[in-house]
Amino acid sequence: MSTFHHLAILASLLATTAGLTPLTKIKATEVELAAFSKTAKGALDELFPTKPSPVLHIVGASDVESNVDWSDLCSRGATVVLVGPEAVIPRESSAGGSECVTVVKELYSVTKMARDGVTPDLLLLLNADLYTCVWRRSLVEFLKSGIPVVVTFYCEFEGAAITRLFNWPELEFTPQSLERCDETVKRAFGEASAQGHLTTAMSIEVKDIPEARLLWEFSPNPFAHANPKECYTLSEHGTRNAYWMAFTGAPDGANFGDMKDEL
């Protein structure tokens, strides 16, 4: 188990001990929800400024993302797929905003989605602790797919955590490390739900994992609803979508999606 996974568990325990309600359990305001859509559109505009009908997969979606008004993305011609075991059918509103949105209620797998004929242009993870064990196999898949990935975070310290994974893959992606992370996924989601997710990348060697290439570095998200707050553990209430970064496993100079044939 990595140092940062230990930190995430410790943070959760500290929050419980302190009587704080985790930010993930606090209902997002309309202003906060608007930042979700603005961030997604900003990422698409940055990476695919001329693509007429981009496909966006929002990974690890929950009822929070289902309450977002995605009308700006629908108007842009995008297709939005909310994927996650806690994803729910998006809300209906008089202004629309859900006509381009579909829901897949399961753990995300690039490989499985590709087999189902749904290959995204962009993967977006909102307020995700991508550096923890529960995401380790997914991160391997993300890198091998060559699909660009945009992630948002609550706190500045999370930048160091994700950077560690990218800088020292020989420590974080060993077979032993992946096996420990697999057990974490099984405990979190149950054996049955986790099995299909884990078997998509069971046999992998560190040398076969593409190097992460940053599309932009960890930095304050210009589309966040408020400035970042000082927070040094996840037990503290940071700002939703305060920071963001983008990366891909595709080599420099390659067109996004060149590696999809390997799926």
C-alpha atoms as a PDB file:
ATOM      1  CA  MET A   1       0.000   0.000   0.000  1.00  0.00           C
ATOM      2  CA  SER A   2       1.456   3.365  -1.001  1.00  0.00           C
ATOM      3  CA  THR A   3       2.181   6.240   1.336  1.00  0.00           C
ATOM      4  CA  PHE A   4      -0.530   8.303  -0.267  1.00  0.00           C
ATOM      5  CA  HIS A   5      -3.120   5.552   0.102  1.00  0.00           C
ATOM      6  CA  HIS A   6      -2.254   5.455   3.795  1.00  0.00           C
ATOM      7  CA  LEU A   7      -2.756   9.223   3.867  1.00  0.00           C
ATOM      8  CA  ALA A   8      -6.168   8.938   2.234  1.00  0.00           C
ATOM      9  CA  ILE A   9      -7.295   6.350   4.789  1.00  0.00           C
ATOM     10  CA  LEU A  10      -5.889   8.442   7.645  1.00  0.00           C
ATOM     11  CA  ALA A  11      -7.675  11.519   6.309  1.00  0.00           C
ATOM     12  CA  SER A  12     -10.973   9.664   6.269  1.00  0.00           C
ATOM     13  CA  LEU A  13     -10.446   8.524   9.848  1.00  0.00           C
ATOM     14  CA  LEU A  14      -9.541  12.035  10.934  1.00  0.00           C
ATOM     15  CA  ALA A  15     -12.690  13.415   9.322  1.00  0.00           C
ATOM     16  CA  THR A  16     -14.814  10.856  11.144  1.00  0.00           C
ATOM     17  CA  THR A  17     -13.072  11.508  14.444  1.00  0.00           C
ATOM     18  CA  ALA A  18     -13.468  15.262  14.059  1.00  0.00           C
ATOM     19  CA  GLY A  19     -17.157  14.884  13.259  1.00  0.00           C
ATOM     20  CA  LEU A  20     -16.740  16.491   9.837  1.00  0.00           C
ATOM     21  CA  THR A  21     -19.080  15.450   7.066  1.00  0.00           C
ATOM     22  CA  PRO A  22     -16.980  14.430   4.033  1.00  0.00           C
ATOM     23  CA  LEU A  23     -17.261  16.995   1.264  1.00  0.00           C
ATOM     24  CA  THR A  24     -18.421  14.226  -1.074  1.00  0.00           C
ATOM     25  CA  LYS A  25     -21.514  13.866   1.128  1.00  0.00           C
ATOM     26  CA  ILE A  26     -22.341  17.592   1.167  1.00  0.00           C
ATOM     27  CA  LYS A  27     -24.810  18.645  -1.509  1.00  0.00           C
ATOM     28  CA  ALA A  28     -23.186  20.824  -4.137  1.00  0.00           C
ATOM     29  CA  THR A  29     -24.626  24.284  -4.702  1.00  0.00           C
ATOM     30  CA  GLU A  30     -25.819  25.452  -8.110  1.00  0.00           C
ATOM     31  CA  VAL A  31     -22.697  27.614  -8.389  1.00  0.00           C
ATOM     32  CA  GLU A  32     -20.499  24.606  -7.688  1.00  0.00           C
ATOM     33  CA  LEU A  33     -22.405  22.423 -10.139  1.00  0.00           C
ATOM     34  CA  ALA A  34     -21.977  25.030 -12.872  1.00  0.00           C
ATOM     35  CA  ALA A  35     -18.213  24.697 -12.471  1.00  0.00           C
ATOM     36  CA  PHE A  36     -18.441  20.981 -13.328  1.00  0.00           C
ATOM     37  CA  SER A  37     -19.922  21.778 -16.732  1.00  0.00           C
ATOM     38  CA  LYS A  38     -17.595  24.731 -17.339  1.00  0.00           C
ATOM     39  CA  THR A  39     -14.581  22.577 -16.517  1.00  0.00           C
ATOM     40  CA  ALA A  40     -15.714  19.845 -18.913  1.00  0.00           C
ATOM     41  CA  LYS A  41     -16.350  22.324 -21.722  1.00  0.00           C
ATOM     42  CA  GLY A  42     -13.061  24.096 -21.022  1.00  0.00           C
ATOM     43  CA  ALA A  43     -11.190  20.805 -21.295  1.00  0.00           C
ATOM     44  CA  LEU A  44     -12.890  19.924 -24.580  1.00  0.00           C
ATOM     45  CA  ASP A  45     -12.247  23.388 -25.992  1.00  0.00           C
ATOM     46  CA  GLU A  46      -8.576  23.145 -25.002  1.00  0.00           C
ATOM     47  CA  LEU A  47      -7.922  19.676 -26.385  1.00  0.00           C
ATOM     48  CA  PHE A  48     -10.469  19.440 -29.222  1.00  0.00           C
ATOM     49  CA  PRO A  49     -11.213  23.030 -30.273  1.00  0.00           C
ATOM     50  CA  THR A  50     -12.463  22.096 -33.758  1.00  0.00           C
ATOM     51  CA  LYS A  51     -13.939  18.621 -33.227  1.00  0.00           C
ATOM     52  CA  PRO A  52     -17.676  18.913 -33.932  1.00  0.00           C
ATOM     53  CA  SER A  53     -19.032  15.957 -31.932  1.00  0.00           C
ATOM     54  CA  PRO A  54     -16.610  14.929 -29.179  1.00  0.00           C
ATOM     55  CA  VAL A  55     -17.397  12.006 -26.881  1.00  0.00           C
ATOM     56  CA  LEU A  56     -16.710  12.655 -23.203  1.00  0.00           C
ATOM     57  CA  HIS A  57     -16.699   9.940 -20.557  1.00  0.00           C
ATOM     58  CA  ILE A  58     -17.040  11.216 -16.999  1.00  0.00           C
ATOM     59  CA  VAL A  59     -15.453   8.474 -14.932  1.00  0.00           C
ATOM     60  CA  GLY A  60     -16.459   7.782 -11.338  1.00  0.00           C
ATOM     61  CA  ALA A  61     -19.686   9.736 -11.748  1.00  0.00           C
ATOM     62  CA  SER A  62     -22.220   9.864  -8.914  1.00  0.00           C
ATOM     63  CA  ASP A  63     -25.461  11.669  -8.155  1.00  0.00           C
ATOM     64  CA  VAL A  64     -23.429  14.904  -8.036  1.00  0.00           C
ATOM     65  CA  GLU A  65     -22.604  14.787 -11.753  1.00  0.00           C
ATOM     66  CA  SER A  66     -26.183  13.748 -12.486  1.00  0.00           C
ATOM     67  CA  ASN A  67     -27.370  17.045 -10.985  1.00  0.00           C
ATOM     68  CA  VAL A  68     -25.200  19.090 -13.339  1.00  0.00           C
ATOM     69  CA  ASP A  69     -26.792  21.005 -16.217  1.00  0.00           C
ATOM     70  CA  TRP A  70     -24.781  19.752 -19.206  1.00  0.00           C
ATOM     71  CA  SER A  71     -26.649  21.889 -21.759  1.00  0.00           C
ATOM     72  CA  ASP A  72     -23.506  23.802 -22.797  1.00  0.00           C
ATOM     73  CA  LEU A  73     -21.898  20.531 -23.843  1.00  0.00           C
ATOM     74  CA  CYS A  74     -25.052  19.320 -25.569  1.00  0.00           C
ATOM     75  CA  SER A  75     -25.185  22.597 -27.512  1.00  0.00           C
ATOM     76  CA  ARG A  76     -21.557  22.070 -28.521  1.00  0.00           C
ATOM     77  CA  GLY A  77     -22.507  18.722 -30.043  1.00  0.00           C
ATOM     78  CA  ALA A  78     -20.816  16.611 -27.379  1.00  0.00           C
ATOM     79  CA  THR A  79     -21.944  13.218 -26.134  1.00  0.00           C
ATOM     80  CA  VAL A  80     -21.583  12.851 -22.370  1.00  0.00           C
ATOM     81  CA  VAL A  81     -21.462   9.419 -20.734  1.00  0.00           C
ATOM     82  CA  LEU A  82     -21.619   9.289 -16.935  1.00  0.00           C
ATOM     83  CA  VAL A  83     -19.934   6.078 -15.755  1.00  0.00           C
ATOM     84  CA  GLY A  84     -19.688   4.736 -12.221  1.00  0.00           C
ATOM     85  CA  PRO A  85     -21.392   2.371  -9.788  1.00  0.00           C
ATOM     86  CA  GLU A  86     -23.039   5.381  -8.114  1.00  0.00           C
ATOM     87  CA  ALA A  87     -24.073   7.142 -11.331  1.00  0.00           C
ATOM     88  CA  VAL A  88     -27.783   7.944 -11.659  1.00  0.00           C
ATOM     89  CA  ILE A  89     -30.056   9.174 -14.421  1.00  0.00           C
ATOM     90  CA  PRO A  90     -29.478  12.934 -14.820  1.00  0.00           C
ATOM     91  CA  ARG A  91     -32.090  15.392 -13.698  1.00  0.00           C
ATOM     92  CA  GLU A  92     -34.597  16.851 -16.116  1.00  0.00           C
ATOM     93  CA  SER A  93     -34.937  20.607 -16.349  1.00  0.00           C
ATOM     94  CA  SER A  94     -36.986  23.028 -18.388  1.00  0.00           C
ATOM     95  CA  ALA A  95     -33.756  24.256 -19.983  1.00  0.00           C
ATOM     96  CA  GLY A  96     -32.749  20.765 -21.085  1.00  0.00           C
ATOM     97  CA  GLY A  97     -29.169  19.732 -20.482  1.00  0.00           C
ATOM     98  CA  SER A  98     -29.620  15.972 -20.347  1.00  0.00           C
ATOM     99  CA  GLU A  99     -30.501  15.094 -23.940  1.00  0.00           C
ATOM    100  CA  CYS A 100     -26.871  14.309 -24.812  1.00  0.00           C
ATOM    101  CA  VAL A 101     -26.209  12.414 -21.548  1.00  0.00           C
ATOM    102  CA  THR A 102     -26.320   8.675 -20.987  1.00  0.00           C
ATOM    103  CA  VAL A 103     -25.505   6.647 -17.873  1.00  0.00           C
ATOM    104  CA  VAL A 104     -23.503   3.434 -17.439  1.00  0.00           C
ATOM    105  CA  LYS A 105     -23.841   2.143 -13.900  1.00  0.00           C
ATOM    106  CA  GLU A 106     -20.661   0.112 -13.382  1.00  0.00           C
ATOM    107  CA  LEU A 107     -16.958   0.412 -12.659  1.00  0.00           C
ATOM    108  CA  TYR A 108     -15.194   2.037 -15.593  1.00  0.00           C
ATOM    109  CA  SER A 109     -13.149   0.003 -18.054  1.00  0.00           C
ATOM    110  CA  VAL A 110     -11.706   1.524 -21.232  1.00  0.00           C
ATOM    111  CA  THR A 111     -11.419  -1.952 -22.711  1.00  0.00           C
ATOM    112  CA  LYS A 112     -15.028  -2.929 -21.995  1.00  0.00           C
ATOM    113  CA  MET A 113     -16.409   0.374 -23.275  1.00  0.00           C
ATOM    114  CA  ALA A 114     -14.411  -0.093 -26.479  1.00  0.00           C
ATOM    115  CA  ARG A 115     -15.830  -3.618 -26.900  1.00  0.00           C
ATOM    116  CA  ASP A 116     -19.292  -2.115 -26.518  1.00  0.00           C
ATOM    117  CA  GLY A 117     -18.471   0.288 -29.336  1.00  0.00           C
ATOM    118  CA  VAL A 118     -18.144   3.357 -27.134  1.00  0.00           C
ATOM    119  CA  THR A 119     -14.659   4.882 -27.385  1.00  0.00           C
ATOM    120  CA  PRO A 120     -14.271   8.374 -25.915  1.00  0.00           C
ATOM    121  CA  ASP A 121     -12.208  11.290 -27.124  1.00  0.00           C
ATOM    122  CA  LEU A 122     -11.644  12.445 -23.556  1.00  0.00           C
ATOM    123  CA  LEU A 123     -11.808  10.953 -20.060  1.00  0.00           C
ATOM    124  CA  LEU A 124     -12.768  13.348 -17.273  1.00  0.00           C
ATOM    125  CA  LEU A 125     -12.494  12.568 -13.567  1.00  0.00           C
ATOM    126  CA  LEU A 126     -13.978  15.210 -11.286  1.00  0.00           C
ATOM    127  CA  ASN A 127     -12.601  15.550  -7.747  1.00  0.00           C
ATOM    128  CA  ALA A 128     -10.987  12.132  -8.005  1.00  0.00           C
ATOM    129  CA  ASP A 129      -8.238  10.682  -5.809  1.00  0.00           C
ATOM    130  CA  LEU A 130      -6.642   9.054  -8.845  1.00  0.00           C
ATOM    131  CA  TYR A 131      -3.400   8.530  -6.919  1.00  0.00           C
ATOM    132  CA  THR A 132      -4.980   6.002  -4.506  1.00  0.00           C
ATOM    133  CA  CYS A 133      -5.048   2.224  -4.813  1.00  0.00           C
ATOM    134  CA  VAL A 134      -8.663   1.993  -5.874  1.00  0.00           C
ATOM    135  CA  TRP A 135      -7.779   3.709  -9.175  1.00  0.00           C
ATOM    136  CA  ARG A 136      -4.470   1.904  -9.904  1.00  0.00           C
ATOM    137  CA  ARG A 137      -5.698  -0.561 -12.542  1.00  0.00           C
ATOM    138  CA  SER A 138      -7.801   2.169 -14.137  1.00  0.00           C
ATOM    139  CA  LEU A 139      -4.762   4.423 -14.388  1.00  0.00           C
ATOM    140  CA  VAL A 140      -2.871   1.656 -16.192  1.00  0.00           C
ATOM    141  CA  GLU A 141      -5.756   1.362 -18.651  1.00  0.00           C
ATOM    142  CA  PHE A 142      -5.918   5.118 -19.146  1.00  0.00           C
ATOM    143  CA  LEU A 143      -2.228   5.291 -20.011  1.00  0.00           C
ATOM    144  CA  LYS A 144      -2.328   2.282 -22.337  1.00  0.00           C
ATOM    145  CA  SER A 145      -5.340   3.656 -24.209  1.00  0.00           C
ATOM    146  CA  GLY A 146      -3.600   6.870 -25.260  1.00  0.00           C
ATOM    147  CA  ILE A 147      -6.847   8.752 -24.575  1.00  0.00           C
ATOM    148  CA  PRO A 148      -6.278  12.147 -22.941  1.00  0.00           C
ATOM    149  CA  VAL A 149      -7.334  12.329 -19.302  1.00  0.00           C
ATOM    150  CA  VAL A 150      -8.331  15.447 -17.364  1.00  0.00           C
ATOM    151  CA  VAL A 151      -8.587  15.228 -13.568  1.00  0.00           C
ATOM    152  CA  THR A 152      -9.740  17.782 -11.009  1.00  0.00           C
ATOM    153  CA  PHE A 153      -8.782  17.832  -7.332  1.00  0.00           C
ATOM    154  CA  TYR A 154      -9.724  19.467  -4.030  1.00  0.00           C
ATOM    155  CA  CYS A 155      -6.305  20.204  -2.532  1.00  0.00           C
ATOM    156  CA  GLU A 156      -2.819  21.242  -3.597  1.00  0.00           C
ATOM    157  CA  PHE A 157      -1.105  18.280  -1.878  1.00  0.00           C
ATOM    158  CA  GLU A 158      -2.828  15.926  -4.318  1.00  0.00           C
ATOM    159  CA  GLY A 159      -0.573  17.237  -7.081  1.00  0.00           C
ATOM    160  CA  ALA A 160       2.466  15.753  -5.355  1.00  0.00           C
ATOM    161  CA  ALA A 161       0.618  12.462  -4.880  1.00  0.00           C
ATOM    162  CA  ILE A 162      -0.244  11.979  -8.547  1.00  0.00           C
ATOM    163  CA  THR A 163       3.194  13.217  -9.638  1.00  0.00           C
ATOM    164  CA  ARG A 164       4.797  10.492  -7.518  1.00  0.00           C
ATOM    165  CA  LEU A 165       2.937   7.826  -9.485  1.00  0.00           C
ATOM    166  CA  PHE A 166       4.129   9.257 -12.768  1.00  0.00           C
ATOM    167  CA  ASN A 167       7.732   9.772 -11.652  1.00  0.00           C
ATOM    168  CA  TRP A 168       8.270   6.387  -9.924  1.00  0.00           C
ATOM    169  CA  PRO A 169       6.179   3.790 -11.760  1.00  0.00           C
ATOM    170  CA  GLU A 170       8.713   1.107 -10.833  1.00  0.00           C
ATOM    171  CA  LEU A 171       7.562   1.507  -7.215  1.00  0.00           C
ATOM    172  CA  GLU A 172       3.835   2.058  -7.675  1.00  0.00           C
ATOM    173  CA  PHE A 173       3.045  -0.387 -10.510  1.00  0.00           C
ATOM    174  CA  THR A 174       4.840  -3.526  -9.377  1.00  0.00           C
ATOM    175  CA  PRO A 175       2.825  -6.781  -9.448  1.00  0.00           C
ATOM    176  CA  GLN A 176       2.810  -6.758  -5.646  1.00  0.00           C
ATOM    177  CA  SER A 177       1.531  -3.197  -5.511  1.00  0.00           C
ATOM    178  CA  LEU A 178      -1.192  -3.925  -8.059  1.00  0.00           C
ATOM    179  CA  GLU A 179      -2.296  -7.025  -6.163  1.00  0.00           C
ATOM    180  CA  ARG A 180      -2.632  -5.018  -2.956  1.00  0.00           C
ATOM    181  CA  CYS A 181      -4.644  -2.418  -4.825  1.00  0.00           C
ATOM    182  CA  ASP A 182      -6.867  -5.141  -6.300  1.00  0.00           C
ATOM    183  CA  GLU A 183      -7.777  -6.219  -2.771  1.00  0.00           C
ATOM    184  CA  THR A 184      -8.692  -2.625  -1.969  1.00  0.00           C
ATOM    185  CA  VAL A 185     -11.047  -2.506  -4.968  1.00  0.00           C
ATOM    186  CA  LYS A 186     -12.687  -5.785  -3.944  1.00  0.00           C
ATOM    187  CA  ARG A 187     -13.269  -4.513  -0.418  1.00  0.00           C
ATOM    188  CA  ALA A 188     -14.649  -1.212  -1.698  1.00  0.00           C
ATOM    189  CA  PHE A 189     -17.007  -2.545  -4.385  1.00  0.00           C
ATOM    190  CA  GLY A 190     -17.445  -6.240  -3.689  1.00  0.00           C
ATOM    191  CA  GLU A 191     -15.889  -9.270  -5.392  1.00  0.00           C
ATOM    192  CA  ALA A 192     -18.512  -9.582  -8.123  1.00  0.00           C
ATOM    193  CA  SER A 193     -18.472  -5.936  -9.196  1.00  0.00           C
ATOM    194  CA  ALA A 194     -14.698  -5.729  -9.088  1.00  0.00           C
ATOM    195  CA  GLN A 195     -13.845  -8.917 -10.951  1.00  0.00           C
ATOM    196  CA  GLY A 196     -14.697  -7.812 -14.485  1.00  0.00           C
ATOM    197  CA  HIS A 197     -12.968  -4.504 -13.867  1.00  0.00           C
ATOM    198  CA  LEU A 198      -9.765  -6.127 -12.613  1.00  0.00           C
ATOM    199  CA  THR A 199      -9.413  -8.849 -15.234  1.00  0.00           C
ATOM    200  CA  THR A 200      -9.063  -6.252 -18.013  1.00  0.00           C
ATOM    201  CA  ALA A 201      -5.490  -5.526 -16.922  1.00  0.00           C
ATOM    202  CA  MET A 202      -4.439  -8.405 -14.693  1.00  0.00           C
ATOM    203  CA  SER A 203      -1.149  -9.225 -16.411  1.00  0.00           C
ATOM    204  CA  ILE A 204       0.954  -6.133 -16.809  1.00  0.00           C
ATOM    205  CA  GLU A 205       4.625  -5.355 -16.412  1.00  0.00           C
ATOM    206  CA  VAL A 206       5.939  -1.943 -15.507  1.00  0.00           C
ATOM    207  CA  LYS A 207       7.938  -1.747 -18.722  1.00  0.00           C
ATOM    208  CA  ASP A 208       4.715  -2.136 -20.726  1.00  0.00           C
ATOM    209  CA  ILE A 209       2.995   0.855 -19.120  1.00  0.00           C
ATOM    210  CA  PRO A 210       3.401   3.976 -21.264  1.00  0.00           C
ATOM    211  CA  GLU A 211       5.005   6.980 -19.656  1.00  0.00           C
ATOM    212  CA  ALA A 212       2.536   9.679 -18.662  1.00  0.00           C
ATOM    213  CA  ARG A 213       2.930  12.788 -20.816  1.00  0.00           C
ATOM    214  CA  LEU A 214       1.492  15.935 -19.292  1.00  0.00           C
ATOM    215  CA  LEU A 215      -0.801  17.979 -21.516  1.00  0.00           C
ATOM    216  CA  TRP A 216      -0.892  20.598 -18.799  1.00  0.00           C
ATOM    217  CA  GLU A 217       0.575  20.509 -15.330  1.00  0.00           C
ATOM    218  CA  PHE A 218      -1.265  20.389 -12.009  1.00  0.00           C
ATOM    219  CA  SER A 219      -2.480  23.953 -11.519  1.00  0.00           C
ATOM    220  CA  PRO A 220      -5.463  25.997 -10.300  1.00  0.00           C
ATOM    221  CA  ASN A 221      -8.533  25.264 -12.407  1.00  0.00           C
ATOM    222  CA  PRO A 222      -9.603  28.484 -14.184  1.00  0.00           C
ATOM    223  CA  PHE A 223     -13.199  27.211 -14.279  1.00  0.00           C
ATOM    224  CA  ALA A 224     -13.529  26.494 -10.544  1.00  0.00           C
ATOM    225  CA  HIS A 225     -16.348  28.316  -8.760  1.00  0.00           C
ATOM    226  CA  ALA A 226     -13.983  29.682  -6.075  1.00  0.00           C
ATOM    227  CA  ASN A 227     -10.296  30.047  -5.282  1.00  0.00           C
ATOM    228  CA  PRO A 228      -8.465  27.064  -3.754  1.00  0.00           C
ATOM    229  CA  LYS A 229      -8.485  26.728   0.019  1.00  0.00           C
ATOM    230  CA  GLU A 230      -5.535  25.654   2.097  1.00  0.00           C
ATOM    231  CA  CYS A 231      -6.003  21.969   2.860  1.00  0.00           C
ATOM    232  CA  TYR A 232      -3.336  19.457   3.714  1.00  0.00           C
ATOM    233  CA  THR A 233      -5.443  16.294   4.000  1.00  0.00           C
ATOM    234  CA  LEU A 234      -8.719  15.144   2.489  1.00  0.00           C
ATOM    235  CA  SER A 235     -10.268  15.478   5.945  1.00  0.00           C
ATOM    236  CA  GLU A 236     -10.287  19.224   5.380  1.00  0.00           C
ATOM    237  CA  HIS A 237     -12.918  20.786   3.172  1.00  0.00           C
ATOM    238  CA  GLY A 238     -11.122  22.022   0.102  1.00  0.00           C
ATOM    239  CA  THR A 239     -12.775  23.552  -2.951  1.00  0.00           C
ATOM    240  CA  ARG A 240     -14.465  21.286  -5.465  1.00  0.00           C
ATOM    241  CA  ASN A 241     -12.572  21.247  -8.770  1.00  0.00           C
ATOM    242  CA  ALA A 242      -9.976  23.647  -7.323  1.00  0.00           C
ATOM    243  CA  TYR A 243      -7.077  22.185  -9.304  1.00  0.00           C
ATOM    244  CA  TRP A 244      -6.766  20.313 -12.539  1.00  0.00           C
ATOM    245  CA  MET A 245      -4.248  18.558 -14.752  1.00  0.00           C
ATOM    246  CA  ALA A 246      -4.256  16.657 -18.031  1.00  0.00           C
ATOM    247  CA  PHE A 247      -2.130  13.772 -19.269  1.00  0.00           C
ATOM    248  CA  THR A 248      -1.999  10.976 -21.807  1.00  0.00           C
ATOM    249  CA  GLY A 249      -0.079   7.788 -22.432  1.00  0.00           C
ATOM    250  CA  ALA A 250       0.222   8.648 -26.115  1.00  0.00           C
ATOM    251  CA  PRO A 251       3.759   9.624 -27.178  1.00  0.00           C
ATOM    252  CA  ASP A 252       4.587  13.193 -28.046  1.00  0.00           C
ATOM    253  CA  GLY A 253       3.542  13.990 -31.596  1.00  0.00           C
ATOM    254  CA  ALA A 254       0.961  11.199 -31.785  1.00  0.00           C
ATOM    255  CA  ASN A 255      -2.648  11.965 -32.518  1.00  0.00           C
ATOM    256  CA  PHE A 256      -4.969  11.229 -29.613  1.00  0.00           C
ATOM    257  CA  GLY A 257      -6.438   7.791 -30.052  1.00  0.00           C
ATOM    258  CA  ASP A 258      -3.535   6.360 -32.060  1.00  0.00           C
ATOM    259  CA  MET A 259      -3.162   3.677 -29.389  1.00  0.00           C
ATOM    260  CA  LYS A 260      -6.834   2.656 -29.324  1.00  0.00           C
ATOM    261  CA  ASP A 261      -6.202  -0.282 -31.653  1.00  0.00           C
ATOM    262  CA  GLU A 262      -4.279  -1.946 -28.834  1.00  0.00           C
ATOM    263  CA  LEU A 263      -7.418  -2.210 -26.688  1.00  0.00           C
END
